[in-house]
Amino acid sequence: MAERGLKDEVDVDLGASLCTGNCADGPIVVVDGKIYKHVDPLVMRDILEATFPQKG
């Protein structure tokens, strides 16, 4: 978040679960109720960039 100028702008809560009913589609990430399937590091970066656009 600091790289995007958002260090003091957002709160991020992380949690974990063994299964969300979509185990075959994992890893699963849920952001604001939206489910993302087959998440790898590059997909996670895309999710974060879309959710938290760069400030300024």
Protein backbone atom coordinates (compact mmCIF):
# COMPACT_ATOMS: atom_id res chain seq x y z
CA MET A 1 0.00 0.00 0.00
CA ALA A 2 2.90 2.34 0.73
CA GLU A 3 4.15 1.99 -2.87
CA ARG A 4 0.75 3.18 -4.08
CA GLY A 5 0.64 6.20 -1.73
CA LEU A 6 -2.09 4.56 0.35
CA LYS A 7 -0.25 3.65 3.53
CA ASP A 8 -2.48 5.80 5.74
CA GLU A 9 -5.58 5.58 3.52
CA VAL A 10 -6.78 1.96 3.78
CA ASP A 11 -7.43 -0.72 6.35
CA VAL A 12 -6.81 -4.29 5.25
CA ASP A 13 -8.02 -7.23 7.30
CA LEU A 14 -6.65 -10.64 6.36
CA GLY A 15 -8.26 -13.89 7.36
CA ALA A 16 -7.95 -17.52 6.37
CA SER A 17 -10.21 -20.49 5.85
CA LEU A 18 -9.54 -24.06 4.81
CA CYS A 19 -12.47 -24.19 2.37
CA THR A 20 -15.12 -21.79 1.11
CA GLY A 21 -17.02 -24.48 -0.80
CA ASN A 22 -14.84 -23.84 -3.85
CA CYS A 23 -11.79 -25.95 -3.02
CA ALA A 24 -11.35 -27.20 -6.60
CA ASP A 25 -11.06 -23.57 -7.75
CA GLY A 26 -8.46 -22.52 -5.17
CA PRO A 27 -6.65 -20.62 -4.05
CA ILE A 28 -9.67 -18.42 -3.40
CA VAL A 29 -9.57 -14.75 -2.40
CA VAL A 30 -12.65 -12.80 -1.32
CA VAL A 31 -12.53 -8.99 -1.52
CA ASP A 32 -15.61 -7.01 -0.46
CA GLY A 33 -17.76 -10.10 -1.07
CA LYS A 34 -16.42 -10.77 -4.59
CA ILE A 35 -14.85 -14.22 -5.04
CA TYR A 36 -11.69 -14.58 -7.11
CA LYS A 37 -10.68 -18.13 -8.10
CA HIS A 38 -7.31 -19.67 -9.04
CA VAL A 39 -5.43 -16.74 -7.49
CA ASP A 40 -1.67 -16.71 -7.94
CA PRO A 41 0.75 -13.88 -7.07
CA LEU A 42 0.17 -12.06 -10.38
CA VAL A 43 -3.61 -12.30 -10.08
CA MET A 44 -3.37 -11.06 -6.47
CA ARG A 45 -1.40 -8.04 -7.64
CA ASP A 46 -4.09 -7.29 -10.25
CA ILE A 47 -6.81 -7.60 -7.58
CA LEU A 48 -4.98 -5.21 -5.26
CA GLU A 49 -4.33 -2.70 -8.06
CA ALA A 50 -8.00 -2.75 -9.08
CA THR A 51 -9.23 -2.51 -5.48
CA PHE A 52 -6.75 0.17 -4.40
CA PRO A 53 -5.88 2.42 -7.37
CA GLN A 54 -2.70 4.43 -7.09
CA LYS A 55 -3.22 7.75 -5.33
CA GLY A 56 -2.45 10.94 -7.16
